[in-house]
Amino acid sequence: LGEAVLKVLKDFSPSILSEELTRHFEQEMDLVFNGKKTKEEVIEEAKQVLTPILTNFKVNQEKIGTILSSALKIFLDDESTLGDCPSCKSGKLVIRKNKKGNFFVGCSNYPLCKVTYPLPHASKIVKTGKVCNLCGTPIVKVIRKGKRTFEMCLAPNCPSKKEWASSKNNTNSY
């Protein structure tokens, strides 16, 4: 996404990225600080420099919006894709929302592949790029407000979760 913003700035307003422009206005601000120029003079000069840049942005706002919108869609699609489907092997596991507003993971080949995995409620799910060595399902990082962050395999019946249950029972016994 950042690369798309940088490309838009380079294509539609390369002067805004200019080191010389930044350096010039830093020097101008130093002159204001030292009392050799007034801030009004520097602001007026900045307006003169920025007005054509902003006018160019206004003229090209639809093109810029289209480019940034498609970059955002690609970014969000990438963020919600967790890995390959271990069942059909051709689909991708994607974070989805059900009718009740709860999030789950499902195969992109639905309805041909009906693989789904539940996700913890009130959590941010982040892909790790790791795959469970016991069942081949992607591992995600679960971030919950006020609680510890942990990584887990998506498969509810994965043998890796049996270790969780036994350690949970051992820590609660007195």
N, C-alpha and C. Protein backbone atom coordinates (compact mmCIF):
# COMPACT_ATOMS: atom_id res chain seq x y z
N LEU A 1 0.84 -1.20 0.00
CA LEU A 1 0.00 0.00 0.00
C LEU A 1 0.88 1.25 0.00
N GLY A 2 1.91 1.25 0.82
CA GLY A 2 2.83 2.38 0.87
C GLY A 2 3.53 2.59 -0.46
N GLU A 3 3.84 1.47 -1.13
CA GLU A 3 4.49 1.57 -2.45
C GLU A 3 3.55 2.21 -3.46
N ALA A 4 2.25 1.91 -3.36
CA ALA A 4 1.28 2.51 -4.28
C ALA A 4 1.17 4.01 -4.05
N VAL A 5 1.18 4.43 -2.79
CA VAL A 5 1.12 5.86 -2.48
C VAL A 5 2.36 6.56 -3.03
N LEU A 6 3.52 5.94 -2.83
CA LEU A 6 4.77 6.51 -3.35
C LEU A 6 4.73 6.62 -4.87
N LYS A 7 4.22 5.59 -5.54
CA LYS A 7 4.13 5.60 -7.01
C LYS A 7 3.20 6.72 -7.48
N VAL A 8 2.06 6.89 -6.81
CA VAL A 8 1.13 7.96 -7.17
C VAL A 8 1.80 9.32 -7.02
N LEU A 9 2.52 9.50 -5.92
CA LEU A 9 3.20 10.78 -5.72
C LEU A 9 4.27 11.01 -6.78
N LYS A 10 5.02 9.96 -7.13
CA LYS A 10 6.05 10.10 -8.17
C LYS A 10 5.42 10.41 -9.52
N ASP A 11 4.30 9.75 -9.84
CA ASP A 11 3.66 9.93 -11.14
C ASP A 11 2.93 11.27 -11.27
N PHE A 12 2.27 11.70 -10.21
CA PHE A 12 1.41 12.88 -10.32
C PHE A 12 2.01 14.14 -9.69
N SER A 13 3.03 13.97 -8.86
CA SER A 13 3.62 15.14 -8.22
C SER A 13 5.02 14.83 -7.69
N PRO A 14 5.96 14.61 -8.59
CA PRO A 14 7.31 14.25 -8.14
C PRO A 14 7.97 15.34 -7.30
N SER A 15 7.58 16.59 -7.51
CA SER A 15 8.22 17.68 -6.76
C SER A 15 7.94 17.59 -5.26
N ILE A 16 6.80 17.01 -4.88
CA ILE A 16 6.47 16.92 -3.46
C ILE A 16 7.42 15.97 -2.73
N LEU A 17 8.05 15.05 -3.48
CA LEU A 17 9.01 14.10 -2.91
C LEU A 17 10.44 14.61 -2.97
N SER A 18 10.62 15.77 -3.53
CA SER A 18 11.95 16.32 -3.75
C SER A 18 12.68 16.63 -2.44
N GLU A 19 13.89 16.11 -2.33
CA GLU A 19 14.71 16.41 -1.15
C GLU A 19 15.07 17.90 -1.14
N GLU A 20 15.25 18.46 -2.33
CA GLU A 20 15.60 19.88 -2.42
C GLU A 20 14.49 20.75 -1.85
N LEU A 21 13.24 20.39 -2.15
CA LEU A 21 12.10 21.16 -1.64
C LEU A 21 12.07 21.08 -0.11
N THR A 22 12.25 19.88 0.41
CA THR A 22 12.27 19.71 1.87
C THR A 22 13.41 20.51 2.49
N ARG A 23 14.58 20.40 1.91
CA ARG A 23 15.75 21.11 2.42
C ARG A 23 15.51 22.63 2.38
N HIS A 24 14.93 23.11 1.27
CA HIS A 24 14.67 24.54 1.11
C HIS A 24 13.77 25.05 2.24
N PHE A 25 12.67 24.34 2.50
CA PHE A 25 11.75 24.82 3.52
C PHE A 25 12.29 24.62 4.93
N GLU A 26 13.16 23.66 5.13
CA GLU A 26 13.83 23.54 6.43
C GLU A 26 14.74 24.75 6.65
N GLN A 27 15.45 25.16 5.59
CA GLN A 27 16.31 26.34 5.69
C GLN A 27 15.48 27.60 5.92
N GLU A 28 14.35 27.68 5.25
CA GLU A 28 13.46 28.83 5.44
C GLU A 28 12.96 28.89 6.88
N MET A 29 12.62 27.74 7.45
CA MET A 29 12.15 27.72 8.85
C MET A 29 13.27 28.10 9.81
N ASP A 30 14.50 27.72 9.48
CA ASP A 30 15.65 28.15 10.29
C ASP A 30 15.78 29.68 10.25
N LEU A 31 15.56 30.27 9.07
CA LEU A 31 15.62 31.73 8.95
C LEU A 31 14.55 32.39 9.81
N VAL A 32 13.36 31.78 9.85
CA VAL A 32 12.29 32.31 10.71
C VAL A 32 12.72 32.20 12.17
N PHE A 33 13.27 31.06 12.54
CA PHE A 33 13.71 30.84 13.92
C PHE A 33 14.77 31.87 14.33
N ASN A 34 15.65 32.19 13.40
CA ASN A 34 16.73 33.15 13.68
C ASN A 34 16.30 34.60 13.49
N GLY A 35 15.04 34.83 13.13
CA GLY A 35 14.52 36.18 13.00
C GLY A 35 14.89 36.88 11.71
N LYS A 36 15.39 36.16 10.73
CA LYS A 36 15.80 36.78 9.47
C LYS A 36 14.67 36.81 8.44
N LYS A 37 13.60 36.05 8.70
CA LYS A 37 12.41 36.05 7.85
C LYS A 37 11.20 35.90 8.75
N THR A 38 10.06 36.38 8.26
CA THR A 38 8.84 36.20 9.04
C THR A 38 8.16 34.90 8.61
N LYS A 39 7.39 34.35 9.53
CA LYS A 39 6.70 33.11 9.19
C LYS A 39 5.68 33.35 8.08
N GLU A 40 5.12 34.55 8.01
CA GLU A 40 4.16 34.87 6.95
C GLU A 40 4.82 34.79 5.57
N GLU A 41 6.08 35.24 5.47
CA GLU A 41 6.80 35.17 4.19
C GLU A 41 6.99 33.71 3.76
N VAL A 42 7.36 32.87 4.71
CA VAL A 42 7.59 31.45 4.41
C VAL A 42 6.28 30.77 4.04
N ILE A 43 5.22 31.09 4.77
CA ILE A 43 3.91 30.50 4.47
C ILE A 43 3.45 30.92 3.08
N GLU A 44 3.64 32.18 2.74
CA GLU A 44 3.24 32.66 1.40
C GLU A 44 4.03 31.94 0.31
N GLU A 45 5.33 31.75 0.53
CA GLU A 45 6.14 31.03 -0.45
C GLU A 45 5.68 29.57 -0.57
N ALA A 46 5.35 28.96 0.57
CA ALA A 46 4.87 27.57 0.56
C ALA A 46 3.56 27.46 -0.21
N LYS A 47 2.69 28.45 -0.04
CA LYS A 47 1.43 28.46 -0.80
C LYS A 47 1.71 28.52 -2.29
N GLN A 48 2.66 29.37 -2.69
CA GLN A 48 3.00 29.51 -4.11
C GLN A 48 3.53 28.19 -4.68
N VAL A 49 4.29 27.45 -3.88
CA VAL A 49 4.87 26.18 -4.34
C VAL A 49 3.81 25.07 -4.35
N LEU A 50 2.98 25.03 -3.30
CA LEU A 50 2.04 23.93 -3.14
C LEU A 50 0.76 24.07 -3.97
N THR A 51 0.37 25.28 -4.32
CA THR A 51 -0.87 25.47 -5.08
C THR A 51 -0.89 24.70 -6.40
N PRO A 52 0.15 24.78 -7.24
CA PRO A 52 0.11 23.99 -8.48
C PRO A 52 0.12 22.48 -8.23
N ILE A 53 0.80 22.06 -7.18
CA ILE A 53 0.83 20.63 -6.84
C ILE A 53 -0.57 20.15 -6.47
N LEU A 54 -1.24 20.92 -5.62
CA LEU A 54 -2.59 20.54 -5.19
C LEU A 54 -3.59 20.65 -6.33
N THR A 55 -3.40 21.61 -7.21
CA THR A 55 -4.27 21.74 -8.39
C THR A 55 -4.13 20.51 -9.27
N ASN A 56 -2.91 20.05 -9.47
CA ASN A 56 -2.66 18.84 -10.26
C ASN A 56 -3.33 17.63 -9.61
N PHE A 57 -3.27 17.54 -8.28
CA PHE A 57 -3.94 16.44 -7.58
C PHE A 57 -5.45 16.52 -7.80
N LYS A 58 -6.00 17.72 -7.73
CA LYS A 58 -7.45 17.89 -7.91
C LYS A 58 -7.87 17.48 -9.32
N VAL A 59 -7.09 17.86 -10.32
CA VAL A 59 -7.39 17.52 -11.72
C VAL A 59 -7.36 16.00 -11.91
N ASN A 60 -6.44 15.33 -11.23
CA ASN A 60 -6.25 13.89 -11.41
C ASN A 60 -6.83 13.05 -10.28
N GLN A 61 -7.74 13.61 -9.50
CA GLN A 61 -8.22 12.90 -8.31
C GLN A 61 -8.91 11.58 -8.63
N GLU A 62 -9.62 11.48 -9.75
CA GLU A 62 -10.27 10.21 -10.08
C GLU A 62 -9.25 9.13 -10.41
N LYS A 63 -8.24 9.48 -11.20
CA LYS A 63 -7.17 8.51 -11.52
C LYS A 63 -6.44 8.09 -10.25
N ILE A 64 -6.10 9.07 -9.42
CA ILE A 64 -5.39 8.79 -8.17
C ILE A 64 -6.25 7.90 -7.28
N GLY A 65 -7.53 8.22 -7.17
CA GLY A 65 -8.45 7.42 -6.35
C GLY A 65 -8.56 5.99 -6.84
N THR A 66 -8.64 5.81 -8.16
CA THR A 66 -8.73 4.47 -8.73
C THR A 66 -7.48 3.66 -8.43
N ILE A 67 -6.33 4.28 -8.61
CA ILE A 67 -5.06 3.59 -8.35
C ILE A 67 -4.95 3.19 -6.88
N LEU A 68 -5.24 4.13 -5.98
CA LEU A 68 -5.13 3.85 -4.55
C LEU A 68 -6.19 2.86 -4.08
N SER A 69 -7.38 2.94 -4.66
CA SER A 69 -8.44 2.00 -4.31
C SER A 69 -8.08 0.57 -4.69
N SER A 70 -7.53 0.39 -5.88
CA SER A 70 -7.14 -0.97 -6.29
C SER A 70 -5.96 -1.47 -5.46
N ALA A 71 -5.04 -0.58 -5.09
CA ALA A 71 -3.92 -0.98 -4.23
C ALA A 71 -4.42 -1.39 -2.85
N LEU A 72 -5.40 -0.66 -2.33
CA LEU A 72 -5.98 -1.00 -1.03
C LEU A 72 -6.69 -2.34 -1.08
N LYS A 73 -7.42 -2.60 -2.16
CA LYS A 73 -8.11 -3.89 -2.31
C LYS A 73 -7.10 -5.04 -2.33
N ILE A 74 -6.02 -4.88 -3.07
CA ILE A 74 -4.98 -5.92 -3.13
C ILE A 74 -4.38 -6.13 -1.74
N PHE A 75 -4.12 -5.03 -1.03
CA PHE A 75 -3.54 -5.11 0.31
C PHE A 75 -4.48 -5.85 1.25
N LEU A 76 -5.77 -5.49 1.25
CA LEU A 76 -6.73 -6.12 2.15
C LEU A 76 -6.95 -7.59 1.79
N ASP A 77 -6.98 -7.90 0.50
CA ASP A 77 -7.11 -9.31 0.08
C ASP A 77 -5.91 -10.11 0.58
N ASP A 78 -4.74 -9.54 0.47
CA ASP A 78 -3.53 -10.23 0.93
C ASP A 78 -3.56 -10.43 2.44
N GLU A 79 -4.03 -9.42 3.18
CA GLU A 79 -4.10 -9.51 4.63
C GLU A 79 -5.10 -10.57 5.09
N SER A 80 -6.18 -10.77 4.33
CA SER A 80 -7.20 -11.73 4.75
C SER A 80 -6.94 -13.14 4.23
N THR A 81 -5.96 -13.32 3.37
CA THR A 81 -5.62 -14.65 2.86
C THR A 81 -4.56 -15.25 3.78
N LEU A 82 -4.91 -16.40 4.40
CA LEU A 82 -4.04 -16.98 5.41
C LEU A 82 -3.12 -18.08 4.89
N GLY A 83 -3.48 -18.68 3.76
CA GLY A 83 -2.64 -19.75 3.23
C GLY A 83 -3.43 -20.67 2.33
N ASP A 84 -2.80 -21.76 1.93
CA ASP A 84 -3.45 -22.73 1.04
C ASP A 84 -4.41 -23.61 1.83
N CYS A 85 -5.47 -24.02 1.16
CA CYS A 85 -6.45 -24.92 1.76
C CYS A 85 -5.84 -26.32 1.84
N PRO A 86 -5.77 -26.91 3.03
CA PRO A 86 -5.20 -28.25 3.16
C PRO A 86 -6.11 -29.34 2.62
N SER A 87 -7.38 -29.01 2.38
CA SER A 87 -8.32 -30.01 1.90
C SER A 87 -8.32 -30.12 0.38
N CYS A 88 -8.64 -29.03 -0.32
CA CYS A 88 -8.75 -29.10 -1.78
C CYS A 88 -7.43 -28.80 -2.48
N LYS A 89 -6.48 -28.22 -1.77
CA LYS A 89 -5.14 -27.90 -2.28
C LYS A 89 -5.10 -26.80 -3.35
N SER A 90 -6.24 -26.41 -3.91
CA SER A 90 -6.22 -25.38 -4.96
C SER A 90 -6.77 -24.04 -4.48
N GLY A 91 -7.54 -24.06 -3.39
CA GLY A 91 -8.11 -22.83 -2.87
C GLY A 91 -7.22 -22.19 -1.82
N LYS A 92 -7.60 -21.00 -1.43
CA LYS A 92 -6.90 -20.26 -0.38
C LYS A 92 -7.83 -20.12 0.82
N LEU A 93 -7.26 -20.19 2.02
CA LEU A 93 -8.05 -19.96 3.22
C LEU A 93 -8.12 -18.46 3.46
N VAL A 94 -9.37 -17.97 3.55
CA VAL A 94 -9.62 -16.53 3.61
C VAL A 94 -10.49 -16.22 4.81
N ILE A 95 -10.20 -15.10 5.49
CA ILE A 95 -11.05 -14.65 6.60
C ILE A 95 -12.34 -14.09 6.01
N ARG A 96 -13.46 -14.58 6.53
CA ARG A 96 -14.79 -14.16 6.05
C ARG A 96 -15.66 -13.79 7.25
N LYS A 97 -16.81 -13.18 6.95
CA LYS A 97 -17.76 -12.78 7.99
C LYS A 97 -19.08 -13.48 7.71
N ASN A 98 -19.68 -14.11 8.75
CA ASN A 98 -20.97 -14.77 8.56
C ASN A 98 -22.12 -13.78 8.73
N LYS A 99 -23.34 -14.26 8.59
CA LYS A 99 -24.52 -13.39 8.65
C LYS A 99 -24.68 -12.70 10.00
N LYS A 100 -24.18 -13.34 11.06
CA LYS A 100 -24.28 -12.76 12.40
C LYS A 100 -23.17 -11.75 12.69
N GLY A 101 -22.23 -11.62 11.76
CA GLY A 101 -21.14 -10.67 11.94
C GLY A 101 -19.89 -11.27 12.57
N ASN A 102 -19.92 -12.59 12.80
CA ASN A 102 -18.74 -13.26 13.36
C ASN A 102 -17.78 -13.65 12.25
N PHE A 103 -16.50 -13.63 12.56
CA PHE A 103 -15.49 -13.98 11.56
C PHE A 103 -15.15 -15.46 11.64
N PHE A 104 -14.82 -16.02 10.49
CA PHE A 104 -14.38 -17.40 10.38
C PHE A 104 -13.44 -17.49 9.20
N VAL A 105 -12.82 -18.64 9.03
CA VAL A 105 -11.94 -18.86 7.89
C VAL A 105 -12.60 -19.89 6.99
N GLY A 106 -12.65 -19.60 5.70
CA GLY A 106 -13.23 -20.53 4.73
C GLY A 106 -12.39 -20.60 3.47
N CYS A 107 -12.61 -21.64 2.70
CA CYS A 107 -11.87 -21.84 1.46
C CYS A 107 -12.42 -20.93 0.37
N SER A 108 -11.53 -20.39 -0.44
CA SER A 108 -11.94 -19.52 -1.55
C SER A 108 -12.65 -20.31 -2.64
N ASN A 109 -12.56 -21.63 -2.62
CA ASN A 109 -13.24 -22.47 -3.61
C ASN A 109 -14.65 -22.86 -3.20
N TYR A 110 -15.20 -22.22 -2.15
CA TYR A 110 -16.57 -22.47 -1.77
C TYR A 110 -17.47 -22.13 -2.95
N PRO A 111 -18.46 -22.91 -3.29
CA PRO A 111 -19.07 -24.05 -2.62
C PRO A 111 -18.45 -25.41 -2.99
N LEU A 112 -17.45 -25.44 -3.86
CA LEU A 112 -16.84 -26.72 -4.21
C LEU A 112 -16.11 -27.32 -3.01
N CYS A 113 -15.46 -26.48 -2.23
CA CYS A 113 -14.75 -26.94 -1.03
C CYS A 113 -15.41 -26.24 0.15
N LYS A 114 -15.90 -27.01 1.10
CA LYS A 114 -16.66 -26.45 2.21
C LYS A 114 -15.86 -26.38 3.52
N VAL A 115 -14.55 -26.35 3.42
CA VAL A 115 -13.70 -26.28 4.61
C VAL A 115 -13.89 -24.93 5.30
N THR A 116 -14.16 -24.97 6.61
CA THR A 116 -14.25 -23.75 7.41
C THR A 116 -13.58 -23.99 8.76
N TYR A 117 -13.12 -22.91 9.36
CA TYR A 117 -12.51 -22.97 10.69
C TYR A 117 -13.04 -21.79 11.50
N PRO A 118 -13.39 -22.02 12.77
CA PRO A 118 -13.84 -20.91 13.61
C PRO A 118 -12.66 -20.04 14.03
N LEU A 119 -12.96 -18.80 14.34
CA LEU A 119 -11.94 -17.88 14.85
C LEU A 119 -12.38 -17.39 16.23
N PRO A 120 -11.44 -17.12 17.11
CA PRO A 120 -11.80 -16.57 18.43
C PRO A 120 -12.51 -15.22 18.27
N HIS A 121 -13.51 -14.99 19.11
CA HIS A 121 -14.26 -13.73 19.06
C HIS A 121 -13.42 -12.59 19.65
N ALA A 122 -13.74 -11.39 19.25
CA ALA A 122 -13.10 -10.17 19.76
C ALA A 122 -11.58 -10.25 19.70
N SER A 123 -11.08 -10.75 18.59
CA SER A 123 -9.63 -10.90 18.42
C SER A 123 -9.21 -10.39 17.06
N LYS A 124 -8.00 -9.92 17.01
CA LYS A 124 -7.40 -9.58 15.71
C LYS A 124 -6.59 -10.80 15.29
N ILE A 125 -6.80 -11.24 14.06
CA ILE A 125 -6.11 -12.42 13.53
C ILE A 125 -5.07 -11.94 12.53
N VAL A 126 -3.82 -12.39 12.71
CA VAL A 126 -2.72 -12.00 11.84
C VAL A 126 -2.08 -13.25 11.28
N LYS A 127 -1.89 -13.27 9.96
CA LYS A 127 -1.26 -14.45 9.38
C LYS A 127 0.21 -14.47 9.76
N THR A 128 0.74 -15.69 9.93
CA THR A 128 2.14 -15.84 10.32
C THR A 128 2.98 -16.40 9.19
N GLY A 129 2.33 -17.02 8.21
CA GLY A 129 3.07 -17.68 7.14
C GLY A 129 3.53 -19.07 7.53
N LYS A 130 3.22 -19.47 8.76
CA LYS A 130 3.61 -20.80 9.25
C LYS A 130 2.49 -21.80 8.99
N VAL A 131 2.87 -23.07 8.92
CA VAL A 131 1.90 -24.15 8.74
C VAL A 131 2.13 -25.16 9.86
N CYS A 132 1.05 -25.67 10.43
CA CYS A 132 1.13 -26.65 11.51
C CYS A 132 1.83 -27.91 10.99
N ASN A 133 2.84 -28.36 11.73
CA ASN A 133 3.56 -29.56 11.28
C ASN A 133 2.79 -30.84 11.59
N LEU A 134 1.69 -30.75 12.36
CA LEU A 134 0.89 -31.93 12.67
C LEU A 134 -0.26 -32.16 11.69
N CYS A 135 -0.88 -31.06 11.22
CA CYS A 135 -2.05 -31.24 10.35
C CYS A 135 -1.97 -30.47 9.03
N GLY A 136 -0.98 -29.60 8.87
CA GLY A 136 -0.82 -28.88 7.60
C GLY A 136 -1.69 -27.65 7.44
N THR A 137 -2.40 -27.27 8.49
CA THR A 137 -3.27 -26.09 8.45
C THR A 137 -2.46 -24.85 8.84
N PRO A 138 -2.78 -23.69 8.25
CA PRO A 138 -2.05 -22.47 8.62
C PRO A 138 -2.14 -22.14 10.11
N ILE A 139 -1.08 -21.54 10.61
CA ILE A 139 -1.03 -21.06 11.99
C ILE A 139 -1.22 -19.55 11.95
N VAL A 140 -2.06 -19.04 12.85
CA VAL A 140 -2.32 -17.60 12.92
C VAL A 140 -1.92 -17.08 14.29
N LYS A 141 -1.67 -15.78 14.35
CA LYS A 141 -1.41 -15.11 15.62
C LYS A 141 -2.73 -14.49 16.06
N VAL A 142 -3.10 -14.70 17.32
CA VAL A 142 -4.34 -14.16 17.87
C VAL A 142 -3.98 -13.06 18.87
N ILE A 143 -4.49 -11.86 18.61
CA ILE A 143 -4.23 -10.71 19.48
C ILE A 143 -5.56 -10.31 20.11
N ARG A 144 -5.60 -10.37 21.45
CA ARG A 144 -6.82 -10.01 22.18
C ARG A 144 -6.52 -8.88 23.14
N LYS A 145 -7.42 -7.94 23.23
CA LYS A 145 -7.21 -6.78 24.10
C LYS A 145 -7.13 -7.22 25.56
N GLY A 146 -6.06 -6.82 26.21
CA GLY A 146 -5.90 -7.11 27.62
C GLY A 146 -5.48 -8.54 27.94
N LYS A 147 -5.21 -9.33 26.92
CA LYS A 147 -4.81 -10.73 27.15
C LYS A 147 -3.55 -11.01 26.36
N ARG A 148 -2.93 -12.13 26.67
CA ARG A 148 -1.69 -12.47 26.00
C ARG A 148 -1.94 -12.80 24.53
N THR A 149 -0.95 -12.51 23.72
CA THR A 149 -0.98 -12.86 22.30
C THR A 149 -0.47 -14.29 22.17
N PHE A 150 -1.07 -15.06 21.27
CA PHE A 150 -0.60 -16.42 21.07
C PHE A 150 -0.79 -16.83 19.62
N GLU A 151 -0.11 -17.90 19.25
CA GLU A 151 -0.26 -18.47 17.92
C GLU A 151 -1.01 -19.78 18.05
N MET A 152 -1.86 -20.07 17.06
CA MET A 152 -2.62 -21.32 17.09
C MET A 152 -2.86 -21.84 15.68
N CYS A 153 -3.01 -23.13 15.61
CA CYS A 153 -3.40 -23.79 14.37
C CYS A 153 -4.89 -23.54 14.18
N LEU A 154 -5.33 -23.34 12.95
CA LEU A 154 -6.75 -23.07 12.70
C LEU A 154 -7.65 -24.28 12.95
N ALA A 155 -7.12 -25.49 12.75
CA ALA A 155 -7.95 -26.70 12.85
C ALA A 155 -8.36 -26.95 14.30
N PRO A 156 -9.67 -27.00 14.59
CA PRO A 156 -10.13 -27.19 15.97
C PRO A 156 -9.72 -28.54 16.56
N ASN A 157 -9.62 -29.57 15.74
CA ASN A 157 -9.31 -30.91 16.24
C ASN A 157 -7.84 -31.28 16.07
N CYS A 158 -6.99 -30.32 15.86
CA CYS A 158 -5.56 -30.58 15.67
C CYS A 158 -4.94 -31.14 16.95
N PRO A 159 -4.09 -32.14 16.83
CA PRO A 159 -3.42 -32.70 18.02
C PRO A 159 -2.62 -31.65 18.81
N SER A 160 -2.21 -30.57 18.16
CA SER A 160 -1.46 -29.53 18.89
C SER A 160 -2.31 -28.89 19.97
N LYS A 161 -3.63 -28.91 19.82
CA LYS A 161 -4.52 -28.28 20.79
C LYS A 161 -4.76 -29.18 22.00
N LYS A 162 -4.48 -30.47 21.87
CA LYS A 162 -4.60 -31.37 23.02
C LYS A 162 -3.59 -30.98 24.09
N GLU A 163 -2.41 -30.52 23.65
CA GLU A 163 -1.39 -30.06 24.59
C GLU A 163 -1.91 -28.84 25.36
N TRP A 164 -2.65 -27.97 24.68
CA TRP A 164 -3.21 -26.78 25.34
C TRP A 164 -4.16 -27.21 26.45
N ALA A 165 -5.06 -28.14 26.11
CA ALA A 165 -6.07 -28.58 27.07
C ALA A 165 -5.41 -29.20 28.30
N SER A 166 -4.39 -30.03 28.09
CA SER A 166 -3.74 -30.67 29.23
C SER A 166 -2.97 -29.65 30.07
N SER A 167 -2.30 -28.69 29.44
CA SER A 167 -1.57 -27.68 30.21
C SER A 167 -2.54 -26.75 30.93
N LYS A 168 -3.69 -26.49 30.34
CA LYS A 168 -4.70 -25.65 30.98
C LYS A 168 -5.25 -26.34 32.23
N ASN A 169 -5.52 -27.64 32.11
CA ASN A 169 -6.03 -28.40 33.25
C ASN A 169 -4.99 -28.48 34.36
N ASN A 170 -3.73 -28.63 34.02
CA ASN A 170 -2.68 -28.73 35.03
C ASN A 170 -2.47 -27.42 35.77
N THR A 171 -2.60 -26.29 35.09
CA THR A 171 -2.36 -25.00 35.74
C THR A 171 -3.52 -24.62 36.65
N ASN A 172 -4.72 -25.15 36.40
CA ASN A 172 -5.87 -24.79 37.22
C ASN A 172 -6.05 -25.72 38.43
N SER A 173 -5.31 -26.80 38.50
CA SER A 173 -5.48 -27.72 39.62
C SER A 173 -4.71 -27.21 40.83
N TYR A 174 -5.30 -27.40 42.01
CA TYR A 174 -4.68 -26.92 43.25
C TYR A 174 -4.17 -28.07 44.06
